[in-house]
PDB file of N, CA and C in Angstrom:
ATOM      1  N   UNK A   1     -52.384  75.321 -30.997  1.00  0.00           N
ATOM      2  CA  UNK A   1     -53.138  75.671 -29.805  1.00  0.00           C
ATOM      3  C   UNK A   1     -54.558  76.069 -30.223  1.00  0.00           C
ATOM      4  N   UNK A   2     -55.532  75.580 -29.492  1.00  0.00           N
ATOM      5  CA  UNK A   2     -56.922  75.898 -29.824  1.00  0.00           C
ATOM      6  C   UNK A   2     -57.296  77.276 -29.295  1.00  0.00           C
ATOM      7  N   UNK A   3     -58.422  77.794 -29.777  1.00  0.00           N
ATOM      8  CA  UNK A   3     -58.913  79.088 -29.288  1.00  0.00           C
ATOM      9  C   UNK A   3     -59.211  79.025 -27.797  1.00  0.00           C
ATOM     10  N   UNK A   4     -59.793  77.910 -27.362  1.00  0.00           N
ATOM     11  CA  UNK A   4     -60.112  77.750 -25.942  1.00  0.00           C
ATOM     12  C   UNK A   4     -58.843  77.773 -25.105  1.00  0.00           C
ATOM     13  N   UNK A   5     -57.803  77.101 -25.567  1.00  0.00           N
ATOM     14  CA  UNK A   5     -56.535  77.087 -24.838  1.00  0.00           C
ATOM     15  C   UNK A   5     -55.941  78.498 -24.745  1.00  0.00           C
ATOM     16  N   UNK A   6     -56.021  79.249 -25.838  1.00  0.00           N
ATOM     17  CA  UNK A   6     -55.507  80.622 -25.825  1.00  0.00           C
ATOM     18  C   UNK A   6     -56.258  81.469 -24.797  1.00  0.00           C
ATOM     19  N   UNK A   7     -57.575  81.337 -24.783  1.00  0.00           N
ATOM     20  CA  UNK A   7     -58.378  82.099 -23.825  1.00  0.00           C
ATOM     21  C   UNK A   7     -58.040  81.717 -22.394  1.00  0.00           C
ATOM     22  N   UNK A   8     -57.926  80.428 -22.132  1.00  0.00           N
ATOM     23  CA  UNK A   8     -57.643  79.963 -20.775  1.00  0.00           C
ATOM     24  C   UNK A   8     -56.247  80.374 -20.302  1.00  0.00           C
ATOM     25  N   UNK A   9     -55.281  80.311 -21.200  1.00  0.00           N
ATOM     26  CA  UNK A   9     -53.919  80.743 -20.854  1.00  0.00           C
ATOM     27  C   UNK A   9     -53.894  82.236 -20.560  1.00  0.00           C
ATOM     28  N   UNK A  10     -54.574  83.015 -21.391  1.00  0.00           N
ATOM     29  CA  UNK A  10     -54.631  84.459 -21.166  1.00  0.00           C
ATOM     30  C   UNK A  10     -55.305  84.785 -19.843  1.00  0.00           C
ATOM     31  N   UNK A  11     -56.403  84.117 -19.554  1.00  0.00           N
ATOM     32  CA  UNK A  11     -57.098  84.344 -18.282  1.00  0.00           C
ATOM     33  C   UNK A  11     -56.200  83.983 -17.105  1.00  0.00           C
ATOM     34  N   UNK A  12     -55.511  82.873 -17.198  1.00  0.00           N
ATOM     35  CA  UNK A  12     -54.611  82.459 -16.121  1.00  0.00           C
ATOM     36  C   UNK A  12     -53.486  83.477 -15.934  1.00  0.00           C
ATOM     37  N   UNK A  13     -52.948  83.987 -17.043  1.00  0.00           N
ATOM     38  CA  UNK A  13     -51.879  84.988 -16.971  1.00  0.00           C
ATOM     39  C   UNK A  13     -52.375  86.276 -16.303  1.00  0.00           C
ATOM     40  N   UNK A  14     -53.557  86.749 -16.702  1.00  0.00           N
ATOM     41  CA  UNK A  14     -54.106  87.968 -16.094  1.00  0.00           C
ATOM     42  C   UNK A  14     -54.396  87.761 -14.614  1.00  0.00           C
ATOM     43  N   UNK A  15     -54.922  86.590 -14.263  1.00  0.00           N
ATOM     44  CA  UNK A  15     -55.179  86.296 -12.854  1.00  0.00           C
ATOM     45  C   UNK A  15     -53.887  86.255 -12.043  1.00  0.00           C
ATOM     46  N   UNK A  16     -52.843  85.688 -12.621  1.00  0.00           N
ATOM     47  CA  UNK A  16     -51.550  85.628 -11.937  1.00  0.00           C
ATOM     48  C   UNK A  16     -50.987  87.038 -11.734  1.00  0.00           C
ATOM     49  N   UNK A  17     -51.075  87.870 -12.769  1.00  0.00           N
ATOM     50  CA  UNK A  17     -50.607  89.255 -12.642  1.00  0.00           C
ATOM     51  C   UNK A  17     -51.381  89.984 -11.541  1.00  0.00           C
ATOM     52  N   UNK A  18     -52.690  89.788 -11.520  1.00  0.00           N
ATOM     53  CA  UNK A  18     -53.528  90.451 -10.522  1.00  0.00           C
ATOM     54  C   UNK A  18     -53.189  89.962  -9.118  1.00  0.00           C
ATOM     55  N   UNK A  19     -52.966  88.666  -8.972  1.00  0.00           N
ATOM     56  CA  UNK A  19     -52.648  88.112  -7.650  1.00  0.00           C
ATOM     57  C   UNK A  19     -51.312  88.645  -7.144  1.00  0.00           C
ATOM     58  N   UNK A  20     -50.309  88.695  -8.012  1.00  0.00           N
ATOM     59  CA  UNK A  20     -49.008  89.245  -7.622  1.00  0.00           C
ATOM     60  C   UNK A  20     -49.123  90.716  -7.250  1.00  0.00           C
ATOM     61  N   UNK A  21     -49.861  91.465  -8.047  1.00  0.00           N
ATOM     62  CA  UNK A  21     -50.046  92.888  -7.756  1.00  0.00           C
ATOM     63  C   UNK A  21     -50.758  93.069  -6.414  1.00  0.00           C
ATOM     64  N   UNK A  22     -51.720  92.219  -6.145  1.00  0.00           N
ATOM     65  CA  UNK A  22     -52.452  92.294  -4.878  1.00  0.00           C
ATOM     66  C   UNK A  22     -51.519  91.996  -3.700  1.00  0.00           C
ATOM     67  N   UNK A  23     -50.691  90.975  -3.855  1.00  0.00           N
ATOM     68  CA  UNK A  23     -49.744  90.612  -2.784  1.00  0.00           C
ATOM     69  C   UNK A  23     -48.780  91.747  -2.475  1.00  0.00           C
ATOM     70  N   UNK A  24     -48.317  92.420  -3.515  1.00  0.00           N
ATOM     71  CA  UNK A  24     -47.348  93.501  -3.337  1.00  0.00           C
ATOM     72  C   UNK A  24     -48.015  94.874  -3.256  1.00  0.00           C
ATOM     73  N   UNK A  25     -49.336  94.880  -3.201  1.00  0.00           N
ATOM     74  CA  UNK A  25     -50.139  96.101  -3.095  1.00  0.00           C
ATOM     75  C   UNK A  25     -49.744  97.132  -4.146  1.00  0.00           C
ATOM     76  N   UNK A  26     -49.711  96.658  -5.389  1.00  0.00           N
ATOM     77  CA  UNK A  26     -49.412  97.510  -6.538  1.00  0.00           C
ATOM     78  C   UNK A  26     -50.519  97.356  -7.561  1.00  0.00           C
ATOM     79  N   UNK A  27     -50.690  98.345  -8.417  1.00  0.00           N
ATOM     80  CA  UNK A  27     -51.672  98.184  -9.501  1.00  0.00           C
ATOM     81  C   UNK A  27     -51.190  97.154 -10.519  1.00  0.00           C
ATOM     82  N   UNK A  28     -52.135  96.538 -11.186  1.00  0.00           N
ATOM     83  CA  UNK A  28     -51.792  95.594 -12.249  1.00  0.00           C
ATOM     84  C   UNK A  28     -51.352  96.397 -13.461  1.00  0.00           C
ATOM     85  N   UNK A  29     -50.210  96.045 -13.995  1.00  0.00           N
ATOM     86  CA  UNK A  29     -49.741  96.717 -15.207  1.00  0.00           C
ATOM     87  C   UNK A  29     -50.204  95.903 -16.403  1.00  0.00           C
ATOM     88  N   UNK A  30     -50.890  96.576 -17.325  1.00  0.00           N
ATOM     89  CA  UNK A  30     -51.307  95.906 -18.559  1.00  0.00           C
ATOM     90  C   UNK A  30     -51.343  96.927 -19.680  1.00  0.00           C
ATOM     91  N   UNK A  31     -51.148  96.448 -20.886  1.00  0.00           N
ATOM     92  CA  UNK A  31     -51.166  97.354 -22.031  1.00  0.00           C
ATOM     93  C   UNK A  31     -52.535  98.041 -22.172  1.00  0.00           C
ATOM     94  N   UNK A  32     -52.506  99.253 -22.661  1.00  0.00           N
ATOM     95  CA  UNK A  32     -53.747 100.004 -22.868  1.00  0.00           C
ATOM     96  C   UNK A  32     -54.705  99.245 -23.773  1.00  0.00           C
ATOM     97  N   UNK A  33     -54.179  98.496 -24.734  1.00  0.00           N
ATOM     98  CA  UNK A  33     -55.030  97.743 -25.653  1.00  0.00           C
ATOM     99  C   UNK A  33     -55.877  96.715 -24.902  1.00  0.00           C
ATOM    100  N   UNK A  34     -55.337  96.118 -23.847  1.00  0.00           N
ATOM    101  CA  UNK A  34     -56.108  95.160 -23.053  1.00  0.00           C
ATOM    102  C   UNK A  34     -57.274  95.869 -22.376  1.00  0.00           C
ATOM    103  N   UNK A  35     -57.028  97.056 -21.855  1.00  0.00           N
ATOM    104  CA  UNK A  35     -58.093  97.837 -21.223  1.00  0.00           C
ATOM    105  C   UNK A  35     -59.163  98.194 -22.251  1.00  0.00           C
ATOM    106  N   UNK A  36     -58.745  98.576 -23.463  1.00  0.00           N
ATOM    107  CA  UNK A  36     -59.701  98.889 -24.532  1.00  0.00           C
ATOM    108  C   UNK A  36     -60.578  97.674 -24.860  1.00  0.00           C
ATOM    109  N   UNK A  37     -59.959  96.508 -24.939  1.00  0.00           N
ATOM    110  CA  UNK A  37     -60.708  95.290 -25.274  1.00  0.00           C
ATOM    111  C   UNK A  37     -61.717  94.961 -24.175  1.00  0.00           C
ATOM    112  N   UNK A  38     -61.295  95.071 -22.914  1.00  0.00           N
ATOM    113  CA  UNK A  38     -62.213  94.817 -21.798  1.00  0.00           C
ATOM    114  C   UNK A  38     -63.354  95.831 -21.793  1.00  0.00           C
ATOM    115  N   UNK A  39     -63.024  97.087 -22.053  1.00  0.00           N
ATOM    116  CA  UNK A  39     -64.063  98.118 -22.092  1.00  0.00           C
ATOM    117  C   UNK A  39     -65.042  97.849 -23.235  1.00  0.00           C
ATOM    118  N   UNK A  40     -64.539  97.422 -24.378  1.00  0.00           N
ATOM    119  CA  UNK A  40     -65.401  97.105 -25.518  1.00  0.00           C
ATOM    120  C   UNK A  40     -66.335  95.939 -25.173  1.00  0.00           C
ATOM    121  N   UNK A  41     -65.797  94.930 -24.493  1.00  0.00           N
ATOM    122  CA  UNK A  41     -66.603  93.786 -24.059  1.00  0.00           C
ATOM    123  C   UNK A  41     -67.736  94.236 -23.144  1.00  0.00           C
ATOM    124  N   UNK A  42     -67.423  95.067 -22.158  1.00  0.00           N
ATOM    125  CA  UNK A  42     -68.444  95.544 -21.225  1.00  0.00           C
ATOM    126  C   UNK A  42     -69.464  96.417 -21.951  1.00  0.00           C
ATOM    127  N   UNK A  43     -68.991  97.278 -22.856  1.00  0.00           N
ATOM    128  CA  UNK A  43     -69.904  98.135 -23.620  1.00  0.00           C
ATOM    129  C   UNK A  43     -70.848  97.303 -24.495  1.00  0.00           C
ATOM    130  N   UNK A  44     -70.298  96.305 -25.170  1.00  0.00           N
ATOM    131  CA  UNK A  44     -71.120  95.439 -26.023  1.00  0.00           C
ATOM    132  C   UNK A  44     -72.188  94.732 -25.194  1.00  0.00           C
ATOM    133  N   UNK A  45     -71.790  94.210 -24.043  1.00  0.00           N
ATOM    134  CA  UNK A  45     -72.756  93.543 -23.163  1.00  0.00           C
ATOM    135  C   UNK A  45     -73.813  94.528 -22.670  1.00  0.00           C
ATOM    136  N   UNK A  46     -73.434  95.761 -22.402  1.00  0.00           N
ATOM    137  CA  UNK A  46     -74.390  96.781 -21.989  1.00  0.00           C
ATOM    138  C   UNK A  46     -75.399  97.085 -23.079  1.00  0.00           C
ATOM    139  N   UNK A  47     -74.925  97.149 -24.328  1.00  0.00           N
ATOM    140  CA  UNK A  47     -75.835  97.422 -25.449  1.00  0.00           C
ATOM    141  C   UNK A  47     -76.799  96.256 -25.681  1.00  0.00           C
ATOM    142  N   UNK A  48     -76.306  95.035 -25.561  1.00  0.00           N
ATOM    143  CA  UNK A  48     -77.169  93.857 -25.702  1.00  0.00           C
ATOM    144  C   UNK A  48     -78.244  93.875 -24.615  1.00  0.00           C
ATOM    145  N   UNK A  49     -77.834  94.200 -23.386  1.00  0.00           N
ATOM    146  CA  UNK A  49     -78.773  94.246 -22.262  1.00  0.00           C
ATOM    147  C   UNK A  49     -79.802  95.350 -22.469  1.00  0.00           C
ATOM    148  N   UNK A  50     -79.369  96.502 -22.965  1.00  0.00           N
ATOM    149  CA  UNK A  50     -80.295  97.611 -23.206  1.00  0.00           C
ATOM    150  C   UNK A  50     -81.346  97.222 -24.239  1.00  0.00           C
ATOM    151  N   UNK A  51     -80.917  96.544 -25.314  1.00  0.00           N
ATOM    152  CA  UNK A  51     -81.868  96.113 -26.347  1.00  0.00           C
ATOM    153  C   UNK A  51     -82.840  95.063 -25.809  1.00  0.00           C
ATOM    154  N   UNK A  52     -82.328  94.150 -24.966  1.00  0.00           N
ATOM    155  CA  UNK A  52     -83.170  93.075 -24.437  1.00  0.00           C
ATOM    156  C   UNK A  52     -84.075  93.556 -23.308  1.00  0.00           C
ATOM    157  N   UNK A  53     -83.655  94.587 -22.611  1.00  0.00           N
ATOM    158  CA  UNK A  53     -84.461  95.122 -21.512  1.00  0.00           C
ATOM    159  C   UNK A  53     -84.012  94.671 -20.139  1.00  0.00           C
ATOM    160  N   UNK A  54     -83.291  93.557 -20.057  1.00  0.00           N
ATOM    161  CA  UNK A  54     -82.735  93.079 -18.790  1.00  0.00           C
ATOM    162  C   UNK A  54     -81.733  91.973 -19.081  1.00  0.00           C
ATOM    163  N   UNK A  55     -80.892  91.685 -18.117  1.00  0.00           N
ATOM    164  CA  UNK A  55     -79.917  90.607 -18.309  1.00  0.00           C
ATOM    165  C   UNK A  55     -80.637  89.282 -18.527  1.00  0.00           C
ATOM    166  N   UNK A  56     -81.681  89.029 -17.762  1.00  0.00           N
ATOM    167  CA  UNK A  56     -82.420  87.761 -17.870  1.00  0.00           C
ATOM    168  C   UNK A  56     -83.014  87.563 -19.271  1.00  0.00           C
ATOM    169  N   UNK A  57     -83.306  88.662 -19.961  1.00  0.00           N
ATOM    170  CA  UNK A  57     -83.920  88.583 -21.292  1.00  0.00           C
ATOM    171  C   UNK A  57     -82.895  88.364 -22.408  1.00  0.00           C
ATOM    172  N   UNK A  58     -81.622  88.264 -22.070  1.00  0.00           N
ATOM    173  CA  UNK A  58     -80.597  88.115 -23.104  1.00  0.00           C
ATOM    174  C   UNK A  58     -80.398  86.677 -23.554  1.00  0.00           C
ATOM    175  N   UNK A  59     -81.114  85.751 -22.967  1.00  0.00           N
ATOM    176  CA  UNK A  59     -81.080  84.359 -23.416  1.00  0.00           C
ATOM    177  C   UNK A  59     -79.727  83.709 -23.273  1.00  0.00           C
ATOM    178  N   UNK A  60     -79.198  83.213 -24.387  1.00  0.00           N
ATOM    179  CA  UNK A  60     -77.948  82.454 -24.373  1.00  0.00           C
ATOM    180  C   UNK A  60     -76.756  83.279 -23.896  1.00  0.00           C
ATOM    181  N   UNK A  61     -76.850  84.593 -23.967  1.00  0.00           N
ATOM    182  CA  UNK A  61     -75.748  85.465 -23.552  1.00  0.00           C
ATOM    183  C   UNK A  61     -75.797  85.810 -22.068  1.00  0.00           C
ATOM    184  N   UNK A  62     -76.798  85.322 -21.357  1.00  0.00           N
ATOM    185  CA  UNK A  62     -77.015  85.757 -19.974  1.00  0.00           C
ATOM    186  C   UNK A  62     -75.798  85.578 -19.076  1.00  0.00           C
ATOM    187  N   UNK A  63     -75.169  84.419 -19.097  1.00  0.00           N
ATOM    188  CA  UNK A  63     -74.028  84.177 -18.210  1.00  0.00           C
ATOM    189  C   UNK A  63     -72.863  85.119 -18.534  1.00  0.00           C
ATOM    190  N   UNK A  64     -72.601  85.298 -19.821  1.00  0.00           N
ATOM    191  CA  UNK A  64     -71.515  86.187 -20.241  1.00  0.00           C
ATOM    192  C   UNK A  64     -71.795  87.621 -19.802  1.00  0.00           C
ATOM    193  N   UNK A  65     -73.029  88.050 -19.958  1.00  0.00           N
ATOM    194  CA  UNK A  65     -73.395  89.416 -19.596  1.00  0.00           C
ATOM    195  C   UNK A  65     -73.383  89.591 -18.078  1.00  0.00           C
ATOM    196  N   UNK A  66     -73.730  88.548 -17.341  1.00  0.00           N
ATOM    197  CA  UNK A  66     -73.620  88.604 -15.869  1.00  0.00           C
ATOM    198  C   UNK A  66     -72.174  88.883 -15.464  1.00  0.00           C
ATOM    199  N   UNK A  67     -71.223  88.257 -16.148  1.00  0.00           N
ATOM    200  CA  UNK A  67     -69.810  88.496 -15.843  1.00  0.00           C
ATOM    201  C   UNK A  67     -69.425  89.941 -16.142  1.00  0.00           C
ATOM    202  N   UNK A  68     -69.878  90.458 -17.271  1.00  0.00           N
ATOM    203  CA  UNK A  68     -69.596  91.853 -17.611  1.00  0.00           C
ATOM    204  C   UNK A  68     -70.217  92.778 -16.577  1.00  0.00           C
ATOM    205  N   UNK A  69     -71.415  92.438 -16.122  1.00  0.00           N
ATOM    206  CA  UNK A  69     -72.093  93.250 -15.117  1.00  0.00           C
ATOM    207  C   UNK A  69     -71.318  93.219 -13.800  1.00  0.00           C
ATOM    208  N   UNK A  70     -70.799  92.062 -13.428  1.00  0.00           N
ATOM    209  CA  UNK A  70     -69.976  91.960 -12.212  1.00  0.00           C
ATOM    210  C   UNK A  70     -68.736  92.844 -12.325  1.00  0.00           C
ATOM    211  N   UNK A  71     -68.112  92.845 -13.511  1.00  0.00           N
ATOM    212  CA  UNK A  71     -66.948  93.719 -13.728  1.00  0.00           C
ATOM    213  C   UNK A  71     -67.344  95.184 -13.560  1.00  0.00           C
ATOM    214  N   UNK A  72     -68.472  95.552 -14.143  1.00  0.00           N
ATOM    215  CA  UNK A  72     -68.928  96.941 -14.069  1.00  0.00           C
ATOM    216  C   UNK A  72     -69.237  97.335 -12.621  1.00  0.00           C
ATOM    217  N   UNK A  73     -69.928  96.459 -11.897  1.00  0.00           N
ATOM    218  CA  UNK A  73     -70.265  96.765 -10.500  1.00  0.00           C
ATOM    219  C   UNK A  73     -69.008  96.901  -9.656  1.00  0.00           C
ATOM    220  N   UNK A  74     -68.040  96.021  -9.876  1.00  0.00           N
ATOM    221  CA  UNK A  74     -66.792  96.084  -9.128  1.00  0.00           C
ATOM    222  C   UNK A  74     -66.076  97.402  -9.419  1.00  0.00           C
ATOM    223  N   UNK A  75     -66.007  97.758 -10.691  1.00  0.00           N
ATOM    224  CA  UNK A  75     -65.331  99.005 -11.085  1.00  0.00           C
ATOM    225  C   UNK A  75     -66.033 100.210 -10.463  1.00  0.00           C
ATOM    226  N   UNK A  76     -67.341 100.257 -10.568  1.00  0.00           N
ATOM    227  CA  UNK A  76     -68.079 101.396 -10.015  1.00  0.00           C
ATOM    228  C   UNK A  76     -67.984 101.425  -8.495  1.00  0.00           C
ATOM    229  N   UNK A  77     -67.968 100.264  -7.887  1.00  0.00           N
ATOM    230  CA  UNK A  77     -67.833 100.208  -6.431  1.00  0.00           C
ATOM    231  C   UNK A  77     -66.502 100.742  -5.962  1.00  0.00           C
ATOM    232  N   UNK A  78     -65.452 100.470  -6.749  1.00  0.00           N
ATOM    233  CA  UNK A  78     -64.106 100.910  -6.374  1.00  0.00           C
ATOM    234  C   UNK A  78     -63.898 102.406  -6.582  1.00  0.00           C
ATOM    235  N   UNK A  79     -64.666 103.012  -7.487  1.00  0.00           N
ATOM    236  CA  UNK A  79     -64.381 104.394  -7.858  1.00  0.00           C
ATOM    237  C   UNK A  79     -65.500 105.375  -7.535  1.00  0.00           C
ATOM    238  N   UNK A  80     -66.457 104.990  -6.709  1.00  0.00           N
ATOM    239  CA  UNK A  80     -67.540 105.903  -6.339  1.00  0.00           C
ATOM    240  C   UNK A  80     -66.991 107.014  -5.471  1.00  0.00           C
TER     241      UNK A  80
END
């Protein structure tokens, strides 16, 4: 299995878990390690953005950082 296939399968699995949880109005259950990895991803993107000065200034990483920013905005919107 290629790295791309592993990533796509994992994304599909997480999306399926989230959709089922949404249908049954329950929280998504996931290992703490997954939350740590997602938090590390968002933190890394935040540090890259801080060094660059803006998301637009991050060049090749812009699309990836936009996704991290969307995650952050969604999280902050849900917990304000």
